[in-house]
Amino acid sequence: MADAPPPPASWAGLPFFRDQWPALWARLRAVPDWQPAPDVIFRALALTPRDRVRVVILGQDPYPTPGRATGLAFSFPPGQPPRDSLRNILTELAEDTGQPKADGDLAPWADQGVLLLNTALTVPVGRANGHKGWGWEELAAQVVQATAADGPRAFVLWGAPAQRLCADLPRDGHLFIETPHPSPLSAWRGFFGARPFSAVNRWLAARGEPVIDWSR
């Protein structure tokens, strides 16, 4: 690994890329066995440019299982059966909308303006939260602050870390959906039955915007 992956153009003006990214990249280069691959670290920001964000779904960090991290929060590689948090998300989706999603690849959501952003964009293989505190949180904070400043957005915040990151965002005009995390350890505490997908679509429709086809 040599040159740092460049930020997607629409997000490149965030101070993180000038002030923190060079040092963070140097730290990543010095350690082995992390994922996702460098060319997809910023995939969430690339697939959902700043001016197209309509919904923000925050995750924690990429899946640590080898080969599973895709650069999109909660998403699985195409063709892999969903497990754990994603399986619970898709279970709730089917119950909420009556339109099940056939697989765990969430890239079609990103294409519709759903920013699937993790608060840490890399993870050591086999060690969840291993890059927590490395500086990624500053990028996530800047992204959500910029997104909130750009106009009314829907923020879907599953779990305490996502909710803390957005605690200081202005509330006027935005939709905030806050529930427990969809992890198998916490989904039963209020994630199941929260109906976030239909709530987002009702809010978008009331604004005269196209709804998200969550079944894609």
N, C-alpha and C. Protein backbone atom coordinates (compact mmCIF):
# COMPACT_ATOMS: atom_id res chain seq x y z
N MET A 1 0.84 -1.19 0.00
CA MET A 1 0.00 0.00 0.00
C MET A 1 0.88 1.24 0.00
N ALA A 2 0.55 2.15 -0.87
CA ALA A 2 1.37 3.35 -1.00
C ALA A 2 0.53 4.60 -0.77
N ASP A 3 -0.08 5.09 -1.84
CA ASP A 3 -0.83 6.33 -1.73
C ASP A 3 -2.15 6.12 -0.99
N ALA A 4 -2.54 7.12 -0.23
CA ALA A 4 -3.82 7.06 0.47
C ALA A 4 -4.97 7.13 -0.52
N PRO A 5 -6.01 6.32 -0.34
CA PRO A 5 -7.19 6.44 -1.21
C PRO A 5 -7.76 7.85 -1.13
N PRO A 6 -8.08 8.45 -2.26
CA PRO A 6 -8.61 9.82 -2.23
C PRO A 6 -10.06 9.83 -1.77
N PRO A 7 -10.48 10.91 -1.14
CA PRO A 7 -11.89 11.01 -0.75
C PRO A 7 -12.77 11.23 -1.97
N PRO A 8 -14.01 10.75 -1.94
CA PRO A 8 -14.95 11.09 -3.00
C PRO A 8 -15.11 12.60 -3.11
N ALA A 9 -15.24 13.09 -4.33
CA ALA A 9 -15.15 14.52 -4.59
C ALA A 9 -16.15 15.35 -3.78
N SER A 10 -17.38 14.85 -3.64
CA SER A 10 -18.40 15.68 -3.00
C SER A 10 -18.17 15.84 -1.50
N TRP A 11 -17.33 14.98 -0.93
CA TRP A 11 -17.03 15.03 0.50
C TRP A 11 -15.61 15.52 0.78
N ALA A 12 -14.84 15.80 -0.23
CA ALA A 12 -13.41 16.07 -0.06
C ALA A 12 -13.13 17.34 0.73
N GLY A 13 -14.10 18.24 0.81
CA GLY A 13 -13.89 19.49 1.54
C GLY A 13 -14.00 19.36 3.04
N LEU A 14 -14.37 18.20 3.55
CA LEU A 14 -14.46 18.04 5.01
C LEU A 14 -13.07 18.17 5.62
N PRO A 15 -12.93 18.85 6.75
CA PRO A 15 -11.61 19.05 7.36
C PRO A 15 -10.87 17.76 7.67
N PHE A 16 -11.59 16.67 7.92
CA PHE A 16 -10.95 15.39 8.22
C PHE A 16 -9.92 15.01 7.18
N PHE A 17 -10.25 15.20 5.91
CA PHE A 17 -9.37 14.72 4.85
C PHE A 17 -8.08 15.53 4.77
N ARG A 18 -8.12 16.74 5.24
CA ARG A 18 -6.90 17.55 5.30
C ARG A 18 -6.14 17.33 6.60
N ASP A 19 -6.86 17.22 7.71
CA ASP A 19 -6.22 17.28 9.02
C ASP A 19 -5.92 15.92 9.64
N GLN A 20 -6.78 14.92 9.40
CA GLN A 20 -6.59 13.62 10.07
C GLN A 20 -6.26 12.46 9.14
N TRP A 21 -6.74 12.51 7.91
CA TRP A 21 -6.61 11.35 7.04
C TRP A 21 -5.17 10.95 6.74
N PRO A 22 -4.24 11.87 6.47
CA PRO A 22 -2.86 11.43 6.20
C PRO A 22 -2.24 10.62 7.35
N ALA A 23 -2.43 11.07 8.58
CA ALA A 23 -1.86 10.34 9.71
C ALA A 23 -2.58 9.01 9.93
N LEU A 24 -3.88 8.99 9.75
CA LEU A 24 -4.63 7.74 9.92
C LEU A 24 -4.22 6.73 8.85
N TRP A 25 -4.03 7.19 7.63
CA TRP A 25 -3.59 6.28 6.58
C TRP A 25 -2.20 5.72 6.89
N ALA A 26 -1.30 6.55 7.40
CA ALA A 26 0.03 6.06 7.77
C ALA A 26 -0.08 4.99 8.85
N ARG A 27 -0.98 5.16 9.77
CA ARG A 27 -1.17 4.16 10.83
C ARG A 27 -1.73 2.86 10.25
N LEU A 28 -2.67 2.97 9.33
CA LEU A 28 -3.21 1.76 8.70
C LEU A 28 -2.14 1.01 7.91
N ARG A 29 -1.30 1.75 7.21
CA ARG A 29 -0.24 1.12 6.41
C ARG A 29 0.73 0.33 7.28
N ALA A 30 0.84 0.71 8.54
CA ALA A 30 1.84 0.09 9.42
C ALA A 30 1.34 -1.18 10.09
N VAL A 31 0.07 -1.53 9.90
CA VAL A 31 -0.46 -2.73 10.56
C VAL A 31 -1.03 -3.67 9.51
N PRO A 32 -0.97 -4.98 9.77
CA PRO A 32 -1.48 -5.96 8.78
C PRO A 32 -2.94 -6.32 9.03
N ASP A 33 -3.52 -6.99 8.05
CA ASP A 33 -4.77 -7.74 8.23
C ASP A 33 -5.94 -6.89 8.72
N TRP A 34 -6.33 -5.92 7.90
CA TRP A 34 -7.54 -5.19 8.20
C TRP A 34 -8.38 -5.12 6.92
N GLN A 35 -9.62 -4.75 7.09
CA GLN A 35 -10.55 -4.67 5.97
C GLN A 35 -11.53 -3.52 6.20
N PRO A 36 -12.24 -3.09 5.12
CA PRO A 36 -12.26 -3.57 3.74
C PRO A 36 -11.00 -3.14 2.99
N ALA A 37 -10.92 -3.55 1.74
CA ALA A 37 -9.78 -3.18 0.91
C ALA A 37 -9.70 -1.66 0.77
N PRO A 38 -8.49 -1.12 0.62
CA PRO A 38 -8.34 0.34 0.55
C PRO A 38 -9.24 1.02 -0.47
N ASP A 39 -9.46 0.37 -1.61
CA ASP A 39 -10.23 1.06 -2.65
C ASP A 39 -11.73 1.13 -2.36
N VAL A 40 -12.19 0.49 -1.28
CA VAL A 40 -13.61 0.59 -0.92
C VAL A 40 -13.82 1.18 0.47
N ILE A 41 -12.77 1.68 1.10
CA ILE A 41 -12.94 2.31 2.42
C ILE A 41 -14.02 3.36 2.38
N PHE A 42 -14.01 4.21 1.34
CA PHE A 42 -14.95 5.32 1.25
C PHE A 42 -16.12 5.00 0.32
N ARG A 43 -16.46 3.74 0.18
CA ARG A 43 -17.51 3.35 -0.75
C ARG A 43 -18.86 3.98 -0.40
N ALA A 44 -19.18 4.05 0.88
CA ALA A 44 -20.47 4.65 1.25
C ALA A 44 -20.58 6.09 0.78
N LEU A 45 -19.48 6.84 0.92
CA LEU A 45 -19.48 8.24 0.50
C LEU A 45 -19.46 8.36 -1.02
N ALA A 46 -18.86 7.39 -1.68
CA ALA A 46 -18.81 7.43 -3.14
C ALA A 46 -20.16 7.09 -3.77
N LEU A 47 -20.85 6.09 -3.22
CA LEU A 47 -22.13 5.67 -3.80
C LEU A 47 -23.25 6.67 -3.50
N THR A 48 -23.09 7.42 -2.40
CA THR A 48 -24.12 8.39 -2.04
C THR A 48 -23.46 9.76 -1.90
N PRO A 49 -23.30 10.49 -3.00
CA PRO A 49 -22.70 11.82 -2.94
C PRO A 49 -23.49 12.74 -2.01
N ARG A 50 -22.80 13.74 -1.53
CA ARG A 50 -23.39 14.62 -0.52
C ARG A 50 -24.71 15.22 -0.97
N ASP A 51 -24.81 15.63 -2.20
CA ASP A 51 -26.04 16.29 -2.64
C ASP A 51 -27.19 15.32 -2.91
N ARG A 52 -26.93 14.02 -2.77
CA ARG A 52 -27.98 13.03 -3.00
C ARG A 52 -28.44 12.34 -1.72
N VAL A 53 -27.84 12.69 -0.58
CA VAL A 53 -28.21 12.04 0.68
C VAL A 53 -29.62 12.45 1.07
N ARG A 54 -30.45 11.45 1.33
CA ARG A 54 -31.80 11.71 1.84
C ARG A 54 -32.03 11.04 3.20
N VAL A 55 -31.34 9.93 3.39
CA VAL A 55 -31.47 9.15 4.62
C VAL A 55 -30.07 8.75 5.07
N VAL A 56 -29.82 8.79 6.38
CA VAL A 56 -28.55 8.35 6.94
C VAL A 56 -28.82 7.18 7.87
N ILE A 57 -28.16 6.06 7.62
CA ILE A 57 -28.18 4.92 8.54
C ILE A 57 -26.75 4.71 9.03
N LEU A 58 -26.55 4.82 10.33
CA LEU A 58 -25.21 4.72 10.91
C LEU A 58 -24.97 3.33 11.49
N GLY A 59 -23.84 2.74 11.11
CA GLY A 59 -23.36 1.52 11.74
C GLY A 59 -22.19 1.82 12.65
N GLN A 60 -21.57 0.77 13.20
CA GLN A 60 -20.46 0.95 14.12
C GLN A 60 -19.12 0.77 13.42
N ASP A 61 -18.83 -0.43 12.96
CA ASP A 61 -17.61 -0.64 12.17
C ASP A 61 -17.85 -1.80 11.22
N PRO A 62 -16.98 -2.01 10.24
CA PRO A 62 -17.21 -3.09 9.28
C PRO A 62 -17.22 -4.46 9.96
N TYR A 63 -17.84 -5.42 9.29
CA TYR A 63 -17.81 -6.78 9.80
C TYR A 63 -16.37 -7.27 9.89
N PRO A 64 -15.96 -7.88 11.00
CA PRO A 64 -14.59 -8.38 11.11
C PRO A 64 -14.37 -9.75 10.48
N THR A 65 -15.46 -10.44 10.11
CA THR A 65 -15.32 -11.75 9.47
C THR A 65 -14.58 -11.59 8.14
N PRO A 66 -13.56 -12.40 7.90
CA PRO A 66 -12.77 -12.22 6.67
C PRO A 66 -13.64 -12.19 5.41
N GLY A 67 -13.41 -11.17 4.59
CA GLY A 67 -14.10 -11.06 3.31
C GLY A 67 -15.50 -10.50 3.35
N ARG A 68 -16.01 -10.18 4.53
CA ARG A 68 -17.42 -9.76 4.61
C ARG A 68 -17.59 -8.25 4.52
N ALA A 69 -16.58 -7.47 4.85
CA ALA A 69 -16.72 -6.01 4.84
C ALA A 69 -16.85 -5.50 3.42
N THR A 70 -17.83 -4.63 3.19
CA THR A 70 -18.13 -4.14 1.84
C THR A 70 -17.94 -2.64 1.67
N GLY A 71 -17.66 -1.93 2.76
CA GLY A 71 -17.61 -0.47 2.70
C GLY A 71 -18.95 0.19 2.92
N LEU A 72 -20.01 -0.58 3.12
CA LEU A 72 -21.34 -0.07 3.41
C LEU A 72 -21.81 -0.64 4.74
N ALA A 73 -22.30 0.22 5.62
CA ALA A 73 -22.76 -0.25 6.92
C ALA A 73 -23.84 -1.32 6.76
N PHE A 74 -23.67 -2.41 7.50
CA PHE A 74 -24.61 -3.52 7.60
C PHE A 74 -24.69 -4.39 6.35
N SER A 75 -24.16 -3.96 5.21
CA SER A 75 -24.33 -4.69 3.96
C SER A 75 -23.44 -5.92 3.90
N PHE A 76 -23.94 -6.96 3.26
CA PHE A 76 -23.18 -8.18 2.99
C PHE A 76 -22.75 -8.19 1.52
N PRO A 77 -21.71 -8.94 1.20
CA PRO A 77 -21.38 -9.13 -0.21
C PRO A 77 -22.52 -9.82 -0.95
N PRO A 78 -22.70 -9.51 -2.22
CA PRO A 78 -23.76 -10.16 -2.99
C PRO A 78 -23.64 -11.68 -2.93
N GLY A 79 -24.79 -12.33 -2.74
CA GLY A 79 -24.82 -13.78 -2.74
C GLY A 79 -24.57 -14.44 -1.41
N GLN A 80 -24.13 -13.70 -0.40
CA GLN A 80 -23.91 -14.29 0.92
C GLN A 80 -25.19 -14.18 1.74
N PRO A 81 -25.64 -15.27 2.33
CA PRO A 81 -26.86 -15.21 3.15
C PRO A 81 -26.66 -14.27 4.34
N PRO A 82 -27.59 -13.36 4.59
CA PRO A 82 -27.43 -12.43 5.71
C PRO A 82 -27.49 -13.15 7.05
N ARG A 83 -26.70 -12.63 7.97
CA ARG A 83 -26.67 -13.17 9.32
C ARG A 83 -26.68 -12.02 10.33
N ASP A 84 -26.88 -12.38 11.59
CA ASP A 84 -26.71 -11.47 12.72
C ASP A 84 -27.53 -10.18 12.54
N SER A 85 -26.90 -9.02 12.65
CA SER A 85 -27.65 -7.75 12.60
C SER A 85 -28.41 -7.60 11.30
N LEU A 86 -27.77 -7.94 10.19
CA LEU A 86 -28.43 -7.76 8.90
C LEU A 86 -29.65 -8.67 8.77
N ARG A 87 -29.56 -9.88 9.27
CA ARG A 87 -30.73 -10.76 9.21
C ARG A 87 -31.89 -10.15 10.00
N ASN A 88 -31.59 -9.55 11.14
CA ASN A 88 -32.65 -8.91 11.92
C ASN A 88 -33.20 -7.69 11.20
N ILE A 89 -32.33 -6.91 10.54
CA ILE A 89 -32.79 -5.75 9.77
C ILE A 89 -33.76 -6.19 8.67
N LEU A 90 -33.40 -7.24 7.95
CA LEU A 90 -34.26 -7.68 6.86
C LEU A 90 -35.53 -8.34 7.36
N THR A 91 -35.48 -8.95 8.54
CA THR A 91 -36.70 -9.48 9.16
C THR A 91 -37.66 -8.35 9.50
N GLU A 92 -37.12 -7.29 10.10
CA GLU A 92 -37.96 -6.13 10.43
C GLU A 92 -38.49 -5.46 9.16
N LEU A 93 -37.65 -5.39 8.14
CA LEU A 93 -38.09 -4.80 6.86
C LEU A 93 -39.30 -5.54 6.30
N ALA A 94 -39.23 -6.86 6.28
CA ALA A 94 -40.34 -7.64 5.73
C ALA A 94 -41.61 -7.45 6.56
N GLU A 95 -41.47 -7.43 7.87
CA GLU A 95 -42.63 -7.21 8.74
C GLU A 95 -43.20 -5.81 8.57
N ASP A 96 -42.32 -4.84 8.40
CA ASP A 96 -42.72 -3.44 8.33
C ASP A 96 -43.42 -3.12 7.01
N THR A 97 -42.82 -3.53 5.91
CA THR A 97 -43.30 -3.10 4.59
C THR A 97 -44.07 -4.17 3.84
N GLY A 98 -43.94 -5.43 4.26
CA GLY A 98 -44.55 -6.51 3.51
C GLY A 98 -43.84 -6.83 2.21
N GLN A 99 -42.66 -6.22 2.01
CA GLN A 99 -41.88 -6.43 0.80
C GLN A 99 -40.48 -6.90 1.19
N PRO A 100 -40.26 -8.18 1.28
CA PRO A 100 -38.95 -8.67 1.70
C PRO A 100 -37.87 -8.35 0.68
N LYS A 101 -36.67 -8.20 1.18
CA LYS A 101 -35.52 -7.99 0.31
C LYS A 101 -34.84 -9.33 0.09
N ALA A 102 -34.48 -9.61 -1.15
CA ALA A 102 -34.03 -10.95 -1.51
C ALA A 102 -32.63 -11.28 -1.00
N ASP A 103 -31.77 -10.28 -0.83
CA ASP A 103 -30.41 -10.59 -0.40
C ASP A 103 -29.89 -9.47 0.50
N GLY A 104 -28.65 -9.64 0.96
CA GLY A 104 -28.07 -8.71 1.92
C GLY A 104 -27.19 -7.64 1.32
N ASP A 105 -27.19 -7.49 0.01
CA ASP A 105 -26.41 -6.43 -0.64
C ASP A 105 -27.24 -5.15 -0.58
N LEU A 106 -26.78 -4.16 0.18
CA LEU A 106 -27.56 -2.94 0.37
C LEU A 106 -27.15 -1.81 -0.57
N ALA A 107 -26.30 -2.10 -1.54
CA ALA A 107 -25.90 -1.06 -2.49
C ALA A 107 -27.08 -0.40 -3.18
N PRO A 108 -28.16 -1.12 -3.52
CA PRO A 108 -29.31 -0.42 -4.13
C PRO A 108 -29.93 0.63 -3.22
N TRP A 109 -29.82 0.46 -1.91
CA TRP A 109 -30.28 1.52 -1.02
C TRP A 109 -29.40 2.76 -1.17
N ALA A 110 -28.08 2.53 -1.20
CA ALA A 110 -27.14 3.65 -1.35
C ALA A 110 -27.42 4.42 -2.63
N ASP A 111 -27.76 3.71 -3.70
CA ASP A 111 -28.04 4.36 -4.98
C ASP A 111 -29.28 5.24 -4.92
N GLN A 112 -30.15 5.00 -3.94
CA GLN A 112 -31.38 5.79 -3.81
C GLN A 112 -31.24 6.95 -2.80
N GLY A 113 -30.03 7.15 -2.30
CA GLY A 113 -29.82 8.26 -1.38
C GLY A 113 -29.76 7.88 0.08
N VAL A 114 -29.57 6.61 0.37
CA VAL A 114 -29.42 6.15 1.76
C VAL A 114 -27.92 6.01 2.04
N LEU A 115 -27.40 6.90 2.87
CA LEU A 115 -25.98 6.87 3.22
C LEU A 115 -25.77 5.83 4.32
N LEU A 116 -25.07 4.75 3.97
CA LEU A 116 -24.83 3.63 4.88
C LEU A 116 -23.42 3.77 5.45
N LEU A 117 -23.30 4.57 6.49
CA LEU A 117 -21.99 4.99 6.99
C LEU A 117 -21.68 4.33 8.33
N ASN A 118 -20.51 3.71 8.40
CA ASN A 118 -20.01 3.24 9.68
C ASN A 118 -19.27 4.36 10.39
N THR A 119 -19.24 4.31 11.73
CA THR A 119 -18.50 5.33 12.47
C THR A 119 -17.00 5.04 12.49
N ALA A 120 -16.61 3.81 12.23
CA ALA A 120 -15.21 3.46 11.93
C ALA A 120 -15.22 2.76 10.59
N LEU A 121 -14.35 3.17 9.68
CA LEU A 121 -14.42 2.65 8.32
C LEU A 121 -13.49 1.47 8.06
N THR A 122 -12.68 1.09 9.04
CA THR A 122 -11.84 -0.09 8.91
C THR A 122 -11.90 -0.90 10.20
N VAL A 123 -11.48 -2.16 10.10
CA VAL A 123 -11.50 -3.05 11.26
C VAL A 123 -10.42 -4.11 11.08
N PRO A 124 -9.73 -4.50 12.15
CA PRO A 124 -8.81 -5.64 12.03
C PRO A 124 -9.60 -6.92 11.76
N VAL A 125 -9.08 -7.75 10.89
CA VAL A 125 -9.76 -9.02 10.62
C VAL A 125 -9.88 -9.81 11.92
N GLY A 126 -11.11 -10.20 12.23
CA GLY A 126 -11.34 -11.04 13.39
C GLY A 126 -11.46 -10.30 14.71
N ARG A 127 -11.42 -8.95 14.71
CA ARG A 127 -11.45 -8.23 15.99
C ARG A 127 -12.36 -7.01 15.87
N ALA A 128 -13.61 -7.17 16.23
CA ALA A 128 -14.58 -6.08 16.15
C ALA A 128 -14.13 -4.90 17.00
N ASN A 129 -14.39 -3.70 16.50
CA ASN A 129 -14.06 -2.44 17.18
C ASN A 129 -12.56 -2.24 17.38
N GLY A 130 -11.74 -2.97 16.63
CA GLY A 130 -10.30 -2.85 16.81
C GLY A 130 -9.72 -1.53 16.37
N HIS A 131 -10.42 -0.78 15.52
CA HIS A 131 -9.95 0.54 15.11
C HIS A 131 -10.79 1.66 15.71
N LYS A 132 -11.58 1.32 16.72
CA LYS A 132 -12.32 2.34 17.45
C LYS A 132 -11.33 3.28 18.12
N GLY A 133 -11.57 4.57 18.00
CA GLY A 133 -10.69 5.55 18.62
C GLY A 133 -9.50 5.94 17.78
N TRP A 134 -9.39 5.43 16.56
CA TRP A 134 -8.28 5.77 15.68
C TRP A 134 -8.48 7.12 14.99
N GLY A 135 -9.65 7.68 15.06
CA GLY A 135 -9.91 8.96 14.41
C GLY A 135 -11.04 8.94 13.40
N TRP A 136 -11.55 7.74 13.09
CA TRP A 136 -12.65 7.65 12.14
C TRP A 136 -13.90 8.37 12.65
N GLU A 137 -14.07 8.38 13.96
CA GLU A 137 -15.27 9.00 14.51
C GLU A 137 -15.37 10.48 14.13
N GLU A 138 -14.24 11.13 13.96
CA GLU A 138 -14.26 12.53 13.56
C GLU A 138 -14.83 12.69 12.15
N LEU A 139 -14.48 11.76 11.28
CA LEU A 139 -15.06 11.81 9.93
C LEU A 139 -16.56 11.61 9.99
N ALA A 140 -17.01 10.60 10.75
CA ALA A 140 -18.44 10.34 10.84
C ALA A 140 -19.18 11.56 11.40
N ALA A 141 -18.59 12.20 12.40
CA ALA A 141 -19.23 13.39 12.98
C ALA A 141 -19.32 14.51 11.96
N GLN A 142 -18.27 14.71 11.19
CA GLN A 142 -18.29 15.77 10.19
C GLN A 142 -19.30 15.46 9.08
N VAL A 143 -19.42 14.22 8.71
CA VAL A 143 -20.38 13.83 7.67
C VAL A 143 -21.81 14.11 8.13
N VAL A 144 -22.16 13.68 9.34
CA VAL A 144 -23.54 13.88 9.78
C VAL A 144 -23.83 15.37 10.01
N GLN A 145 -22.83 16.12 10.48
CA GLN A 145 -23.03 17.55 10.66
C GLN A 145 -23.26 18.25 9.31
N ALA A 146 -22.46 17.88 8.32
CA ALA A 146 -22.62 18.48 7.00
C ALA A 146 -23.96 18.09 6.39
N THR A 147 -24.34 16.85 6.57
CA THR A 147 -25.61 16.37 6.02
C THR A 147 -26.79 17.10 6.65
N ALA A 148 -26.74 17.28 7.97
CA ALA A 148 -27.82 17.99 8.65
C ALA A 148 -27.89 19.45 8.20
N ALA A 149 -26.73 20.04 7.91
CA ALA A 149 -26.70 21.43 7.48
C ALA A 149 -27.21 21.61 6.05
N ASP A 150 -27.21 20.53 5.27
CA ASP A 150 -27.60 20.63 3.86
C ASP A 150 -29.10 20.69 3.65
N GLY A 151 -29.88 20.38 4.69
CA GLY A 151 -31.33 20.42 4.53
C GLY A 151 -31.97 19.28 5.28
N PRO A 152 -33.29 19.18 5.27
CA PRO A 152 -33.97 18.12 6.01
C PRO A 152 -33.53 16.73 5.55
N ARG A 153 -33.18 15.90 6.51
CA ARG A 153 -32.75 14.53 6.25
C ARG A 153 -33.37 13.60 7.28
N ALA A 154 -33.46 12.33 6.95
CA ALA A 154 -33.90 11.31 7.90
C ALA A 154 -32.67 10.62 8.46
N PHE A 155 -32.58 10.57 9.78
CA PHE A 155 -31.46 9.91 10.46
C PHE A 155 -32.01 8.69 11.19
N VAL A 156 -31.53 7.51 10.78
CA VAL A 156 -31.95 6.25 11.39
C VAL A 156 -30.79 5.79 12.27
N LEU A 157 -30.98 5.89 13.57
CA LEU A 157 -29.90 5.71 14.54
C LEU A 157 -30.19 4.48 15.39
N TRP A 158 -29.51 3.41 15.07
CA TRP A 158 -29.71 2.13 15.76
C TRP A 158 -28.58 1.95 16.77
N GLY A 159 -28.93 2.03 18.04
CA GLY A 159 -27.94 1.79 19.08
C GLY A 159 -27.36 3.08 19.65
N ALA A 160 -26.84 2.97 20.87
CA ALA A 160 -26.34 4.13 21.60
C ALA A 160 -25.19 4.85 20.91
N PRO A 161 -24.20 4.15 20.31
CA PRO A 161 -23.10 4.89 19.67
C PRO A 161 -23.57 5.82 18.56
N ALA A 162 -24.48 5.35 17.72
CA ALA A 162 -25.01 6.20 16.65
C ALA A 162 -25.79 7.37 17.22
N GLN A 163 -26.54 7.11 18.28
CA GLN A 163 -27.34 8.17 18.89
C GLN A 163 -26.45 9.22 19.56
N ARG A 164 -25.37 8.79 20.19
CA ARG A 164 -24.45 9.75 20.80
C ARG A 164 -23.78 10.62 19.74
N LEU A 165 -23.40 10.02 18.62
CA LEU A 165 -22.72 10.77 17.57
C LEU A 165 -23.60 11.90 17.03
N CYS A 166 -24.92 11.69 17.04
CA CYS A 166 -25.84 12.68 16.47
C CYS A 166 -26.58 13.48 17.53
N ALA A 167 -26.15 13.36 18.77
CA ALA A 167 -26.90 13.99 19.87
C ALA A 167 -26.99 15.50 19.74
N ASP A 168 -25.97 16.13 19.16
CA ASP A 168 -25.94 17.59 19.09
C ASP A 168 -26.44 18.14 17.76
N LEU A 169 -26.95 17.29 16.89
CA LEU A 169 -27.48 17.79 15.62
C LEU A 169 -28.77 18.57 15.87
N PRO A 170 -29.02 19.58 15.05
CA PRO A 170 -30.32 20.28 15.17
C PRO A 170 -31.46 19.33 14.82
N ARG A 171 -32.56 19.49 15.49
CA ARG A 171 -33.69 18.57 15.28
C ARG A 171 -34.74 19.16 14.34
N ASP A 172 -34.80 20.45 14.23
CA ASP A 172 -35.86 21.07 13.42
C ASP A 172 -35.75 20.65 11.96
N GLY A 173 -36.84 20.15 11.43
CA GLY A 173 -36.92 19.80 10.02
C GLY A 173 -36.48 18.40 9.68
N HIS A 174 -35.70 17.78 10.54
CA HIS A 174 -35.18 16.45 10.28
C HIS A 174 -36.10 15.39 10.90
N LEU A 175 -35.96 14.17 10.43
CA LEU A 175 -36.59 13.01 11.06
C LEU A 175 -35.51 12.21 11.78
N PHE A 176 -35.73 11.93 13.04
CA PHE A 176 -34.82 11.09 13.81
C PHE A 176 -35.58 9.85 14.28
N ILE A 177 -35.04 8.69 13.92
CA ILE A 177 -35.59 7.41 14.39
C ILE A 177 -34.50 6.76 15.22
N GLU A 178 -34.76 6.57 16.50
CA GLU A 178 -33.76 6.04 17.42
C GLU A 178 -34.32 4.80 18.12
N THR A 179 -33.63 3.70 17.94
CA THR A 179 -34.05 2.43 18.55
C THR A 179 -32.81 1.68 19.03
N PRO A 180 -33.00 0.60 19.78
CA PRO A 180 -31.87 -0.28 20.05
C PRO A 180 -31.25 -0.81 18.76
N HIS A 181 -30.02 -1.28 18.89
CA HIS A 181 -29.28 -1.82 17.75
C HIS A 181 -29.92 -3.14 17.28
N PRO A 182 -29.83 -3.46 15.98
CA PRO A 182 -30.39 -4.72 15.49
C PRO A 182 -29.56 -5.96 15.80
N SER A 183 -28.51 -5.83 16.56
CA SER A 183 -27.71 -6.98 16.96
C SER A 183 -28.58 -8.04 17.63
N PRO A 184 -28.24 -9.32 17.45
CA PRO A 184 -28.99 -10.36 18.16
C PRO A 184 -29.03 -10.16 19.68
N LEU A 185 -28.07 -9.40 20.22
CA LEU A 185 -28.04 -9.17 21.67
C LEU A 185 -29.05 -8.12 22.12
N SER A 186 -29.51 -7.27 21.19
CA SER A 186 -30.35 -6.15 21.62
C SER A 186 -31.61 -5.95 20.79
N ALA A 187 -31.75 -6.63 19.67
CA ALA A 187 -32.88 -6.35 18.77
C ALA A 187 -34.22 -6.52 19.46
N TRP A 188 -34.32 -7.45 20.37
CA TRP A 188 -35.59 -7.73 21.04
C TRP A 188 -35.98 -6.63 22.02
N ARG A 189 -35.07 -5.70 22.31
CA ARG A 189 -35.35 -4.64 23.28
C ARG A 189 -36.09 -3.45 22.68
N GLY A 190 -36.44 -3.53 21.42
CA GLY A 190 -37.19 -2.43 20.83
C GLY A 190 -36.86 -2.16 19.38
N PHE A 191 -35.87 -2.86 18.83
CA PHE A 191 -35.64 -2.73 17.39
C PHE A 191 -36.77 -3.39 16.63
N PHE A 192 -37.08 -4.63 17.00
CA PHE A 192 -38.19 -5.31 16.35
C PHE A 192 -39.49 -4.58 16.69
N GLY A 193 -40.26 -4.29 15.66
CA GLY A 193 -41.54 -3.61 15.85
C GLY A 193 -41.47 -2.10 15.74
N ALA A 194 -40.26 -1.54 15.55
CA ALA A 194 -40.13 -0.08 15.48
C ALA A 194 -40.60 0.48 14.13
N ARG A 195 -40.62 -0.34 13.10
CA ARG A 195 -41.12 0.04 11.78
C ARG A 195 -40.39 1.26 11.19
N PRO A 196 -39.07 1.25 11.14
CA PRO A 196 -38.35 2.43 10.67
C PRO A 196 -38.48 2.68 9.17
N PHE A 197 -38.62 1.63 8.40
CA PHE A 197 -38.60 1.79 6.94
C PHE A 197 -39.86 2.49 6.44
N SER A 198 -41.01 2.09 6.96
CA SER A 198 -42.24 2.76 6.56
C SER A 198 -42.29 4.18 7.12
N ALA A 199 -41.70 4.41 8.29
CA ALA A 199 -41.68 5.75 8.86
C ALA A 199 -40.86 6.70 7.98
N VAL A 200 -39.72 6.23 7.50
CA VAL A 200 -38.92 7.05 6.60
C VAL A 200 -39.70 7.37 5.33
N ASN A 201 -40.36 6.38 4.77
CA ASN A 201 -41.08 6.61 3.52
C ASN A 201 -42.28 7.54 3.71
N ARG A 202 -42.94 7.46 4.84
CA ARG A 202 -44.04 8.41 5.09
C ARG A 202 -43.50 9.84 5.16
N TRP A 203 -42.36 10.01 5.81
CA TRP A 203 -41.75 11.33 5.94
C TRP A 203 -41.33 11.86 4.57
N LEU A 204 -40.70 11.01 3.76
CA LEU A 204 -40.30 11.43 2.42
C LEU A 204 -41.51 11.80 1.57
N ALA A 205 -42.53 10.98 1.62
CA ALA A 205 -43.73 11.23 0.82
C ALA A 205 -44.39 12.54 1.23
N ALA A 206 -44.40 12.82 2.54
CA ALA A 206 -45.01 14.06 3.01
C ALA A 206 -44.24 15.28 2.51
N ARG A 207 -42.98 15.10 2.21
CA ARG A 207 -42.15 16.16 1.67
C ARG A 207 -42.22 16.23 0.15
N GLY A 208 -42.96 15.33 -0.45
CA GLY A 208 -43.06 15.31 -1.90
C GLY A 208 -41.88 14.64 -2.59
N GLU A 209 -41.11 13.84 -1.83
CA GLU A 209 -39.95 13.16 -2.39
C GLU A 209 -40.29 11.71 -2.74
N PRO A 210 -39.59 11.13 -3.69
CA PRO A 210 -39.78 9.70 -3.96
C PRO A 210 -39.42 8.87 -2.72
N VAL A 211 -40.17 7.83 -2.48
CA VAL A 211 -39.88 6.96 -1.36
C VAL A 211 -38.74 6.02 -1.73
N ILE A 212 -38.17 5.37 -0.72
CA ILE A 212 -37.12 4.39 -0.93
C ILE A 212 -37.76 3.04 -1.23
N ASP A 213 -37.31 2.38 -2.26
CA ASP A 213 -37.72 1.00 -2.52
C ASP A 213 -36.78 0.10 -1.74
N TRP A 214 -37.18 -0.22 -0.51
CA TRP A 214 -36.33 -1.01 0.38
C TRP A 214 -36.18 -2.45 -0.08
N SER A 215 -37.04 -2.90 -0.98
CA SER A 215 -36.97 -4.29 -1.43
C SER A 215 -35.87 -4.51 -2.47
N ARG A 216 -35.29 -3.42 -2.99
CA ARG A 216 -34.25 -3.55 -4.01
C ARG A 216 -32.95 -4.06 -3.38
